[in-house]
Amino acid sequence: YKAVQFIFARLPQVFIMSIAAIGLNIILGYAGMFHFGIGAFVSIGAY
């Protein structure tokens, strides 16, 4: 099933974005700060 395999192969990317979303949830959700630089920190770590 090509479609199932395609979706399954993309799930690691979903998990990685979910990890980044946890950091956003801490700043925006728990602390209530309007911080839009999470993507920058993810890219700094990745690079």
All heavy atoms as atom14 arrays in JSON, in Angstrom:
{
  "sequence": "YKAVQFIFARLPQVFIMSIAAIGLNIILGYAGMFHFGIGAFVSIGAY",
  "atom14_mask": [
    [1, 1, 1, 1, 1, 1, 1, 1, 1, 1, 1, 1, 0, 0],
    [1, 1, 1, 1, 1, 1, 1, 1, 1, 0, 0, 0, 0, 0],
    [1, 1, 1, 1, 1, 0, 0, 0, 0, 0, 0, 0, 0, 0],
    [1, 1, 1, 1, 1, 1, 1, 0, 0, 0, 0, 0, 0, 0],
    [1, 1, 1, 1, 1, 1, 1, 1, 1, 0, 0, 0, 0, 0],
    [1, 1, 1, 1, 1, 1, 1, 1, 1, 1, 1, 0, 0, 0],
    [1, 1, 1, 1, 1, 1, 1, 1, 0, 0, 0, 0, 0, 0],
    [1, 1, 1, 1, 1, 1, 1, 1, 1, 1, 1, 0, 0, 0],
    [1, 1, 1, 1, 1, 0, 0, 0, 0, 0, 0, 0, 0, 0],
    [1, 1, 1, 1, 1, 1, 1, 1, 1, 1, 1, 0, 0, 0],
    [1, 1, 1, 1, 1, 1, 1, 1, 0, 0, 0, 0, 0, 0],
    [1, 1, 1, 1, 1, 1, 1, 0, 0, 0, 0, 0, 0, 0],
    [1, 1, 1, 1, 1, 1, 1, 1, 1, 0, 0, 0, 0, 0],
    [1, 1, 1, 1, 1, 1, 1, 0, 0, 0, 0, 0, 0, 0],
    [1, 1, 1, 1, 1, 1, 1, 1, 1, 1, 1, 0, 0, 0],
    [1, 1, 1, 1, 1, 1, 1, 1, 0, 0, 0, 0, 0, 0],
    [1, 1, 1, 1, 1, 1, 1, 1, 0, 0, 0, 0, 0, 0],
    [1, 1, 1, 1, 1, 1, 0, 0, 0, 0, 0, 0, 0, 0],
    [1, 1, 1, 1, 1, 1, 1, 1, 0, 0, 0, 0, 0, 0],
    [1, 1, 1, 1, 1, 0, 0, 0, 0, 0, 0, 0, 0, 0],
    [1, 1, 1, 1, 1, 0, 0, 0, 0, 0, 0, 0, 0, 0],
    [1, 1, 1, 1, 1, 1, 1, 1, 0, 0, 0, 0, 0, 0],
    [1, 1, 1, 1, 0, 0, 0, 0, 0, 0, 0, 0, 0, 0],
    [1, 1, 1, 1, 1, 1, 1, 1, 0, 0, 0, 0, 0, 0],
    [1, 1, 1, 1, 1, 1, 1, 1, 0, 0, 0, 0, 0, 0],
    [1, 1, 1, 1, 1, 1, 1, 1, 0, 0, 0, 0, 0, 0],
    [1, 1, 1, 1, 1, 1, 1, 1, 0, 0, 0, 0, 0, 0],
    [1, 1, 1, 1, 1, 1, 1, 1, 0, 0, 0, 0, 0, 0],
    [1, 1, 1, 1, 0, 0, 0, 0, 0, 0, 0, 0, 0, 0],
    [1, 1, 1, 1, 1, 1, 1, 1, 1, 1, 1, 1, 0, 0],
    [1, 1, 1, 1, 1, 0, 0, 0, 0, 0, 0, 0, 0, 0],
    [1, 1, 1, 1, 0, 0, 0, 0, 0, 0, 0, 0, 0, 0],
    [1, 1, 1, 1, 1, 1, 1, 1, 0, 0, 0, 0, 0, 0],
    [1, 1, 1, 1, 1, 1, 1, 1, 1, 1, 1, 0, 0, 0],
    [1, 1, 1, 1, 1, 1, 1, 1, 1, 1, 0, 0, 0, 0],
    [1, 1, 1, 1, 1, 1, 1, 1, 1, 1, 1, 0, 0, 0],
    [1, 1, 1, 1, 0, 0, 0, 0, 0, 0, 0, 0, 0, 0],
    [1, 1, 1, 1, 1, 1, 1, 1, 0, 0, 0, 0, 0, 0],
    [1, 1, 1, 1, 0, 0, 0, 0, 0, 0, 0, 0, 0, 0],
    [1, 1, 1, 1, 1, 0, 0, 0, 0, 0, 0, 0, 0, 0],
    [1, 1, 1, 1, 1, 1, 1, 1, 1, 1, 1, 0, 0, 0],
    [1, 1, 1, 1, 1, 1, 1, 0, 0, 0, 0, 0, 0, 0],
    [1, 1, 1, 1, 1, 1, 0, 0, 0, 0, 0, 0, 0, 0],
    [1, 1, 1, 1, 1, 1, 1, 1, 0, 0, 0, 0, 0, 0],
    [1, 1, 1, 1, 0, 0, 0, 0, 0, 0, 0, 0, 0, 0],
    [1, 1, 1, 1, 1, 0, 0, 0, 0, 0, 0, 0, 0, 0],
    [1, 1, 1, 1, 1, 1, 1, 1, 1, 1, 1, 1, 0, 0]
  ],
  "atom14_positions": [
    [[0.85, -1.19, 0.0], [0.0, 0.0, 0.0], [0.89, 1.24, 0.0], [1.43, 1.65, 1.03], [-0.93, 0.0, 1.22], [-1.93, -1.14, 1.22], [-1.61, -2.37, 1.79], [-3.19, -0.98, 0.63], [-2.53, -3.42, 1.8], [-4.11, -2.02, 0.63], [-3.77, -3.23, 1.21], [-4.67, -4.26, 1.21], [0.0, 0.0, 0.0], [0.0, 0.0, 0.0]],
    [[1.05, 1.84, -1.16], [1.97, 2.96, -1.31], [1.55, 4.16, -0.46], [2.4, 4.85, 0.11], [2.05, 3.38, -2.78], [2.56, 2.29, -3.72], [4.02, 1.95, -3.39], [4.55, 0.92, -4.39], [5.97, 0.56, -4.11], [0.0, 0.0, 0.0], [0.0, 0.0, 0.0], [0.0, 0.0, 0.0], [0.0, 0.0, 0.0], [0.0, 0.0, 0.0]],
    [[0.24, 4.42, -0.39], [-0.23, 5.58, 0.37], [0.1, 5.42, 1.85], [0.54, 6.37, 2.51], [-1.73, 5.76, 0.18], [0.0, 0.0, 0.0], [0.0, 0.0, 0.0], [0.0, 0.0, 0.0], [0.0, 0.0, 0.0], [0.0, 0.0, 0.0], [0.0, 0.0, 0.0], [0.0, 0.0, 0.0], [0.0, 0.0, 0.0], [0.0, 0.0, 0.0]],
    [[-0.11, 4.2, 2.37], [0.18, 3.94, 3.79], [1.67, 4.11, 4.06], [2.08, 4.71, 5.06], [-0.31, 2.54, 4.2], [0.1, 2.23, 5.64], [-1.81, 2.43, 4.04], [0.0, 0.0, 0.0], [0.0, 0.0, 0.0], [0.0, 0.0, 0.0], [0.0, 0.0, 0.0], [0.0, 0.0, 0.0], [0.0, 0.0, 0.0], [0.0, 0.0, 0.0]],
    [[2.48, 3.58, 3.19], [3.93, 3.69, 3.35], [4.39, 5.15, 3.26], [5.28, 5.57, 4.0], [4.63, 2.85, 2.27], [4.48, 1.36, 2.46], [5.19, 0.88, 3.72], [6.33, 1.21, 3.99], [4.5, 0.07, 4.5], [0.0, 0.0, 0.0], [0.0, 0.0, 0.0], [0.0, 0.0, 0.0], [0.0, 0.0, 0.0], [0.0, 0.0, 0.0]],
    [[3.77, 5.92, 2.37], [4.13, 7.32, 2.23], [3.82, 8.09, 3.51], [4.65, 8.88, 3.99], [3.37, 7.94, 1.05], [3.63, 9.4, 0.85], [4.74, 9.84, 0.16], [2.74, 10.35, 1.36], [4.98, 11.19, -0.02], [2.97, 11.7, 1.19], [4.1, 12.12, 0.49], [0.0, 0.0, 0.0], [0.0, 0.0, 0.0], [0.0, 0.0, 0.0]],
    [[2.64, 7.85, 4.06], [2.26, 8.54, 5.3], [3.17, 8.12, 6.44], [3.63, 8.96, 7.24], [0.78, 8.25, 5.64], [-0.13, 8.85, 4.57], [0.42, 8.79, 7.02], [-1.58, 8.47, 4.71], [0.0, 0.0, 0.0], [0.0, 0.0, 0.0], [0.0, 0.0, 0.0], [0.0, 0.0, 0.0], [0.0, 0.0, 0.0], [0.0, 0.0, 0.0]],
    [[3.43, 6.84, 6.55], [4.27, 6.33, 7.63], [5.68, 6.9, 7.56], [6.3, 7.2, 8.58], [4.32, 4.8, 7.56], [5.04, 4.17, 8.72], [4.46, 4.09, 9.97], [6.32, 3.66, 8.56], [5.13, 3.51, 11.03], [7.0, 3.08, 9.62], [6.39, 3.01, 10.86], [0.0, 0.0, 0.0], [0.0, 0.0, 0.0], [0.0, 0.0, 0.0]],
    [[6.18, 7.09, 6.33], [7.53, 7.63, 6.16], [7.6, 9.09, 6.57], [8.69, 9.59, 6.88], [7.96, 7.48, 4.7], [0.0, 0.0, 0.0], [0.0, 0.0, 0.0], [0.0, 0.0, 0.0], [0.0, 0.0, 0.0], [0.0, 0.0, 0.0], [0.0, 0.0, 0.0], [0.0, 0.0, 0.0], [0.0, 0.0, 0.0], [0.0, 0.0, 0.0]],
    [[6.45, 9.78, 6.6], [6.44, 11.2, 6.99], [6.21, 11.38, 8.48], [6.35, 12.51, 8.98], [5.35, 11.96, 6.21], [5.54, 11.96, 4.7], [6.85, 12.64, 4.31], [7.07, 12.67, 2.86], [7.6, 11.7, 2.16], [7.97, 10.56, 2.77], [7.79, 11.82, 0.86], [0.0, 0.0, 0.0], [0.0, 0.0, 0.0], [0.0, 0.0, 0.0]],
    [[5.87, 10.35, 9.2], [5.59, 10.49, 10.62], [6.79, 10.96, 11.44], [6.6, 11.71, 12.4], [5.05, 9.17, 11.18], [3.6, 8.85, 10.82], [3.18, 7.49, 11.37], [2.66, 9.94, 11.33], [0.0, 0.0, 0.0], [0.0, 0.0, 0.0], [0.0, 0.0, 0.0], [0.0, 0.0, 0.0], [0.0, 0.0, 0.0], [0.0, 0.0, 0.0]],
    [[8.04, 10.55, 11.13], [9.18, 11.11, 11.88], [9.23, 12.64, 11.82], [9.57, 13.29, 12.82], [10.4, 10.48, 11.2], [9.9, 9.18, 10.69], [8.49, 9.46, 10.25], [0.0, 0.0, 0.0], [0.0, 0.0, 0.0], [0.0, 0.0, 0.0], [0.0, 0.0, 0.0], [0.0, 0.0, 0.0], [0.0, 0.0, 0.0], [0.0, 0.0, 0.0]],
    [[8.87, 13.22, 10.67], [8.84, 14.68, 10.58], [7.74, 15.25, 11.47], [7.91, 16.32, 12.08], [8.61, 15.1, 9.12], [9.71, 14.62, 8.18], [9.43, 15.01, 6.74], [8.64, 15.9, 6.45], [10.08, 14.32, 5.81], [0.0, 0.0, 0.0], [0.0, 0.0, 0.0], [0.0, 0.0, 0.0], [0.0, 0.0, 0.0], [0.0, 0.0, 0.0]],
    [[6.61, 14.54, 11.54], [5.53, 14.98, 12.42], [5.99, 14.96, 13.87], [5.7, 15.89, 14.65], [4.3, 14.07, 12.24], [3.21, 14.43, 13.25], [3.75, 14.19, 10.82], [0.0, 0.0, 0.0], [0.0, 0.0, 0.0], [0.0, 0.0, 0.0], [0.0, 0.0, 0.0], [0.0, 0.0, 0.0], [0.0, 0.0, 0.0], [0.0, 0.0, 0.0]],
    [[6.72, 13.92, 14.26], [7.21, 13.82, 15.64], [8.2, 14.94, 15.95], [8.19, 15.51, 17.05], [7.86, 12.46, 15.86], [6.91, 11.3, 15.75], [7.35, 10.03, 15.38], [5.56, 11.46, 16.02], [6.47, 8.97, 15.29], [4.67, 10.4, 15.92], [5.12, 9.15, 15.55], [0.0, 0.0, 0.0], [0.0, 0.0, 0.0], [0.0, 0.0, 0.0]],
    [[9.05, 15.27, 14.98], [10.03, 16.34, 15.19], [9.32, 17.68, 15.38], [9.64, 18.46, 16.28], [11.01, 16.41, 14.0], [11.9, 15.16, 13.98], [11.88, 17.67, 14.08], [12.77, 15.04, 12.74], [0.0, 0.0, 0.0], [0.0, 0.0, 0.0], [0.0, 0.0, 0.0], [0.0, 0.0, 0.0], [0.0, 0.0, 0.0], [0.0, 0.0, 0.0]],
    [[8.31, 17.95, 14.55], [7.54, 19.19, 14.71], [6.77, 19.2, 16.02], [6.56, 20.26, 16.63], [6.58, 19.36, 13.53], [7.26, 19.64, 12.19], [8.23, 21.18, 12.18], [9.89, 20.54, 12.35], [0.0, 0.0, 0.0], [0.0, 0.0, 0.0], [0.0, 0.0, 0.0], [0.0, 0.0, 0.0], [0.0, 0.0, 0.0], [0.0, 0.0, 0.0]],
    [[6.36, 18.03, 16.48], [5.66, 17.94, 17.77], [6.59, 18.3, 18.92], [6.17, 18.93, 19.9], [5.1, 16.52, 17.97], [4.18, 16.19, 16.95], [0.0, 0.0, 0.0], [0.0, 0.0, 0.0], [0.0, 0.0, 0.0], [0.0, 0.0, 0.0], [0.0, 0.0, 0.0], [0.0, 0.0, 0.0], [0.0, 0.0, 0.0], [0.0, 0.0, 0.0]],
    [[7.86, 17.9, 18.81], [8.84, 18.27, 19.84], [9.02, 19.78, 19.88], [9.07, 20.39, 20.95], [10.19, 17.57, 19.55], [10.03, 16.05, 19.68], [11.27, 18.07, 20.51], [11.24, 15.27, 19.2], [0.0, 0.0, 0.0], [0.0, 0.0, 0.0], [0.0, 0.0, 0.0], [0.0, 0.0, 0.0], [0.0, 0.0, 0.0], [0.0, 0.0, 0.0]],
    [[9.08, 20.41, 18.69], [9.17, 21.87, 18.64], [7.92, 22.51, 19.22], [7.99, 23.55, 19.9], [9.39, 22.33, 17.2], [0.0, 0.0, 0.0], [0.0, 0.0, 0.0], [0.0, 0.0, 0.0], [0.0, 0.0, 0.0], [0.0, 0.0, 0.0], [0.0, 0.0, 0.0], [0.0, 0.0, 0.0], [0.0, 0.0, 0.0], [0.0, 0.0, 0.0]],
    [[6.76, 21.9, 18.97], [5.5, 22.44, 19.5], [5.46, 22.4, 21.02], [4.8, 23.24, 21.65], [4.32, 21.67, 18.91], [0.0, 0.0, 0.0], [0.0, 0.0, 0.0], [0.0, 0.0, 0.0], [0.0, 0.0, 0.0], [0.0, 0.0, 0.0], [0.0, 0.0, 0.0], [0.0, 0.0, 0.0], [0.0, 0.0, 0.0], [0.0, 0.0, 0.0]],
    [[6.14, 21.43, 21.62], [6.2, 21.37, 23.09], [6.89, 22.61, 23.64], [6.43, 23.21, 24.62], [6.94, 20.09, 23.55], [6.11, 18.85, 23.2], [7.23, 20.13, 25.04], [6.83, 17.55, 23.47], [0.0, 0.0, 0.0], [0.0, 0.0, 0.0], [0.0, 0.0, 0.0], [0.0, 0.0, 0.0], [0.0, 0.0, 0.0], [0.0, 0.0, 0.0]],
    [[7.98, 23.02, 23.01], [8.66, 24.24, 23.42], [7.78, 25.47, 23.26], [7.75, 26.36, 24.12], [0.0, 0.0, 0.0], [0.0, 0.0, 0.0], [0.0, 0.0, 0.0], [0.0, 0.0, 0.0], [0.0, 0.0, 0.0], [0.0, 0.0, 0.0], [0.0, 0.0, 0.0], [0.0, 0.0, 0.0], [0.0, 0.0, 0.0], [0.0, 0.0, 0.0]],
    [[7.02, 25.52, 22.15], [6.1, 26.64, 21.94], [5.0, 26.64, 22.99], [4.59, 27.69, 23.47], [5.51, 26.55, 20.54], [4.52, 27.65, 20.15], [5.2, 29.01, 20.18], [3.93, 27.37, 18.78], [0.0, 0.0, 0.0], [0.0, 0.0, 0.0], [0.0, 0.0, 0.0], [0.0, 0.0, 0.0], [0.0, 0.0, 0.0], [0.0, 0.0, 0.0]],
    [[4.53, 25.45, 23.36], [3.48, 25.34, 24.36], [3.94, 25.83, 25.73], [3.17, 26.45, 26.47], [3.01, 23.89, 24.47], [1.84, 23.74, 25.43], [0.86, 24.49, 25.37], [1.94, 22.78, 26.33], [0.0, 0.0, 0.0], [0.0, 0.0, 0.0], [0.0, 0.0, 0.0], [0.0, 0.0, 0.0], [0.0, 0.0, 0.0], [0.0, 0.0, 0.0]],
    [[5.21, 25.58, 26.05], [5.75, 26.06, 27.33], [5.75, 27.58, 27.37], [5.27, 28.19, 28.34], [7.17, 25.51, 27.56], [7.11, 24.0, 27.84], [7.84, 26.23, 28.72], [8.48, 23.36, 27.98], [0.0, 0.0, 0.0], [0.0, 0.0, 0.0], [0.0, 0.0, 0.0], [0.0, 0.0, 0.0], [0.0, 0.0, 0.0], [0.0, 0.0, 0.0]],
    [[6.25, 28.21, 26.31], [6.37, 29.67, 26.31], [5.02, 30.36, 26.13], [4.66, 31.27, 26.88], [7.34, 30.12, 25.19], [8.74, 29.57, 25.45], [7.38, 31.63, 25.09], [9.73, 29.91, 24.38], [0.0, 0.0, 0.0], [0.0, 0.0, 0.0], [0.0, 0.0, 0.0], [0.0, 0.0, 0.0], [0.0, 0.0, 0.0], [0.0, 0.0, 0.0]],
    [[4.26, 29.9, 25.15], [3.0, 30.57, 24.83], [1.85, 30.06, 25.7], [1.0, 30.85, 26.13], [2.66, 30.37, 23.35], [1.49, 31.17, 22.79], [1.73, 32.66, 22.97], [1.28, 30.84, 21.32], [0.0, 0.0, 0.0], [0.0, 0.0, 0.0], [0.0, 0.0, 0.0], [0.0, 0.0, 0.0], [0.0, 0.0, 0.0], [0.0, 0.0, 0.0]],
    [[1.84, 28.76, 25.98], [0.74, 28.18, 26.73], [0.86, 28.33, 28.23], [-0.03, 28.87, 28.9], [0.0, 0.0, 0.0], [0.0, 0.0, 0.0], [0.0, 0.0, 0.0], [0.0, 0.0, 0.0], [0.0, 0.0, 0.0], [0.0, 0.0, 0.0], [0.0, 0.0, 0.0], [0.0, 0.0, 0.0], [0.0, 0.0, 0.0], [0.0, 0.0, 0.0]],
    [[2.0, 27.88, 28.78], [2.18, 27.92, 30.23], [2.59, 29.3, 30.73], [2.04, 29.8, 31.72], [3.23, 26.88, 30.66], [2.72, 25.48, 30.62], [3.0, 24.64, 29.54], [1.95, 24.95, 31.66], [2.53, 23.33, 29.49], [1.47, 23.65, 31.62], [1.77, 22.85, 30.53], [1.29, 21.56, 30.48], [0.0, 0.0, 0.0], [0.0, 0.0, 0.0]],
    [[3.55, 29.93, 30.05], [4.04, 31.24, 30.51], [3.24, 32.4, 29.94], [3.3, 33.5, 30.48], [5.51, 31.4, 30.15], [0.0, 0.0, 0.0], [0.0, 0.0, 0.0], [0.0, 0.0, 0.0], [0.0, 0.0, 0.0], [0.0, 0.0, 0.0], [0.0, 0.0, 0.0], [0.0, 0.0, 0.0], [0.0, 0.0, 0.0], [0.0, 0.0, 0.0]],
    [[2.48, 32.15, 28.88], [1.65, 33.2, 28.31], [2.41, 34.3, 27.61], [1.93, 35.43, 27.49], [0.0, 0.0, 0.0], [0.0, 0.0, 0.0], [0.0, 0.0, 0.0], [0.0, 0.0, 0.0], [0.0, 0.0, 0.0], [0.0, 0.0, 0.0], [0.0, 0.0, 0.0], [0.0, 0.0, 0.0], [0.0, 0.0, 0.0], [0.0, 0.0, 0.0]],
    [[3.61, 33.99, 27.11], [4.42, 35.0, 26.43], [4.28, 34.84, 24.91], [4.34, 33.73, 24.4], [5.9, 34.86, 26.81], [6.18, 35.1, 28.27], [7.95, 34.91, 28.64], [7.96, 35.33, 30.39], [0.0, 0.0, 0.0], [0.0, 0.0, 0.0], [0.0, 0.0, 0.0], [0.0, 0.0, 0.0], [0.0, 0.0, 0.0], [0.0, 0.0, 0.0]],
    [[4.12, 35.97, 24.21], [3.98, 35.94, 22.76], [5.37, 35.88, 22.14], [5.97, 36.91, 21.79], [3.21, 37.17, 22.28], [1.78, 37.16, 22.68], [1.36, 37.89, 23.78], [0.85, 36.4, 21.99], [0.02, 37.89, 24.16], [-0.47, 36.38, 22.35], [-0.89, 37.12, 23.46], [0.0, 0.0, 0.0], [0.0, 0.0, 0.0], [0.0, 0.0, 0.0]],
    [[5.85, 34.66, 22.01], [7.2, 34.42, 21.51], [7.1, 33.72, 20.15], [6.55, 32.62, 20.07], [7.96, 33.55, 22.5], [9.44, 33.45, 22.24], [9.95, 32.9, 21.08], [10.52, 33.82, 22.98], [11.27, 32.93, 21.13], [11.63, 33.49, 22.25], [0.0, 0.0, 0.0], [0.0, 0.0, 0.0], [0.0, 0.0, 0.0], [0.0, 0.0, 0.0]],
    [[7.62, 34.36, 19.1], [7.52, 33.81, 17.75], [8.88, 33.39, 17.2], [9.07, 33.35, 15.99], [6.87, 34.83, 16.82], [5.46, 35.18, 17.2], [5.08, 36.5, 17.33], [4.53, 34.19, 17.44], [3.78, 36.83, 17.69], [3.23, 34.5, 17.79], [2.85, 35.82, 17.93], [0.0, 0.0, 0.0], [0.0, 0.0, 0.0], [0.0, 0.0, 0.0]],
    [[9.82, 33.08, 18.1], [11.16, 32.72, 17.64], [11.51, 31.26, 17.79], [12.68, 30.89, 17.66], [0.0, 0.0, 0.0], [0.0, 0.0, 0.0], [0.0, 0.0, 0.0], [0.0, 0.0, 0.0], [0.0, 0.0, 0.0], [0.0, 0.0, 0.0], [0.0, 0.0, 0.0], [0.0, 0.0, 0.0], [0.0, 0.0, 0.0], [0.0, 0.0, 0.0]],
    [[10.5, 30.42, 18.06], [10.77, 28.99, 18.26], [11.4, 28.36, 17.03], [12.34, 27.57, 17.11], [9.48, 28.24, 18.64], [9.0, 28.69, 20.02], [9.72, 26.74, 18.64], [9.95, 28.36, 21.14], [0.0, 0.0, 0.0], [0.0, 0.0, 0.0], [0.0, 0.0, 0.0], [0.0, 0.0, 0.0], [0.0, 0.0, 0.0], [0.0, 0.0, 0.0]],
    [[10.88, 28.73, 15.86], [11.43, 28.17, 14.62], [12.9, 28.52, 14.44], [13.67, 27.7, 13.92], [0.0, 0.0, 0.0], [0.0, 0.0, 0.0], [0.0, 0.0, 0.0], [0.0, 0.0, 0.0], [0.0, 0.0, 0.0], [0.0, 0.0, 0.0], [0.0, 0.0, 0.0], [0.0, 0.0, 0.0], [0.0, 0.0, 0.0], [0.0, 0.0, 0.0]],
    [[13.29, 29.71, 14.89], [14.69, 30.12, 14.79], [15.58, 29.22, 15.65], [16.66, 28.81, 15.22], [14.85, 31.58, 15.22], [0.0, 0.0, 0.0], [0.0, 0.0, 0.0], [0.0, 0.0, 0.0], [0.0, 0.0, 0.0], [0.0, 0.0, 0.0], [0.0, 0.0, 0.0], [0.0, 0.0, 0.0], [0.0, 0.0, 0.0], [0.0, 0.0, 0.0]],
    [[15.12, 28.9, 16.86], [15.91, 28.05, 17.74], [15.98, 26.61, 17.21], [17.02, 25.95, 17.34], [15.33, 28.08, 19.15], [15.53, 29.38, 19.85], [14.47, 30.24, 20.08], [16.79, 29.78, 20.27], [14.65, 31.45, 20.71], [16.98, 30.99, 20.9], [15.91, 31.83, 21.12], [0.0, 0.0, 0.0], [0.0, 0.0, 0.0], [0.0, 0.0, 0.0]],
    [[14.91, 26.15, 16.62], [14.93, 24.81, 16.0], [15.96, 24.79, 14.87], [16.75, 23.84, 14.75], [13.54, 24.43, 15.46], [13.61, 23.13, 14.67], [12.55, 24.29, 16.61], [0.0, 0.0, 0.0], [0.0, 0.0, 0.0], [0.0, 0.0, 0.0], [0.0, 0.0, 0.0], [0.0, 0.0, 0.0], [0.0, 0.0, 0.0], [0.0, 0.0, 0.0]],
    [[15.98, 25.83, 14.06], [16.93, 25.87, 12.94], [18.37, 26.02, 13.44], [19.29, 25.45, 12.84], [16.58, 27.03, 11.99], [16.66, 28.27, 12.66], [0.0, 0.0, 0.0], [0.0, 0.0, 0.0], [0.0, 0.0, 0.0], [0.0, 0.0, 0.0], [0.0, 0.0, 0.0], [0.0, 0.0, 0.0], [0.0, 0.0, 0.0], [0.0, 0.0, 0.0]],
    [[18.58, 26.76, 14.53], [19.93, 26.9, 15.08], [20.45, 25.54, 15.54], [21.59, 25.16, 15.25], [19.93, 27.91, 16.25], [19.74, 29.34, 15.71], [21.25, 27.83, 17.03], [19.51, 30.36, 16.78], [0.0, 0.0, 0.0], [0.0, 0.0, 0.0], [0.0, 0.0, 0.0], [0.0, 0.0, 0.0], [0.0, 0.0, 0.0], [0.0, 0.0, 0.0]],
    [[19.62, 24.79, 16.23], [20.02, 23.45, 16.66], [20.26, 22.52, 15.49], [21.25, 21.77, 15.46], [0.0, 0.0, 0.0], [0.0, 0.0, 0.0], [0.0, 0.0, 0.0], [0.0, 0.0, 0.0], [0.0, 0.0, 0.0], [0.0, 0.0, 0.0], [0.0, 0.0, 0.0], [0.0, 0.0, 0.0], [0.0, 0.0, 0.0], [0.0, 0.0, 0.0]],
    [[19.39, 22.59, 14.48], [19.53, 21.72, 13.31], [20.79, 22.05, 12.52], [21.54, 21.14, 12.11], [18.3, 21.86, 12.42], [0.0, 0.0, 0.0], [0.0, 0.0, 0.0], [0.0, 0.0, 0.0], [0.0, 0.0, 0.0], [0.0, 0.0, 0.0], [0.0, 0.0, 0.0], [0.0, 0.0, 0.0], [0.0, 0.0, 0.0], [0.0, 0.0, 0.0]],
    [[21.07, 23.32, 12.31], [22.25, 23.71, 11.54], [23.53, 23.5, 12.34], [24.59, 23.26, 11.75], [22.14, 25.15, 11.07], [21.45, 25.28, 9.74], [20.08, 25.51, 9.66], [22.17, 25.14, 8.56], [19.44, 25.61, 8.44], [21.54, 25.23, 7.33], [20.17, 25.47, 7.27], [19.55, 25.56, 6.06], [0.0, 0.0, 0.0], [0.0, 0.0, 0.0]]
  ]
}
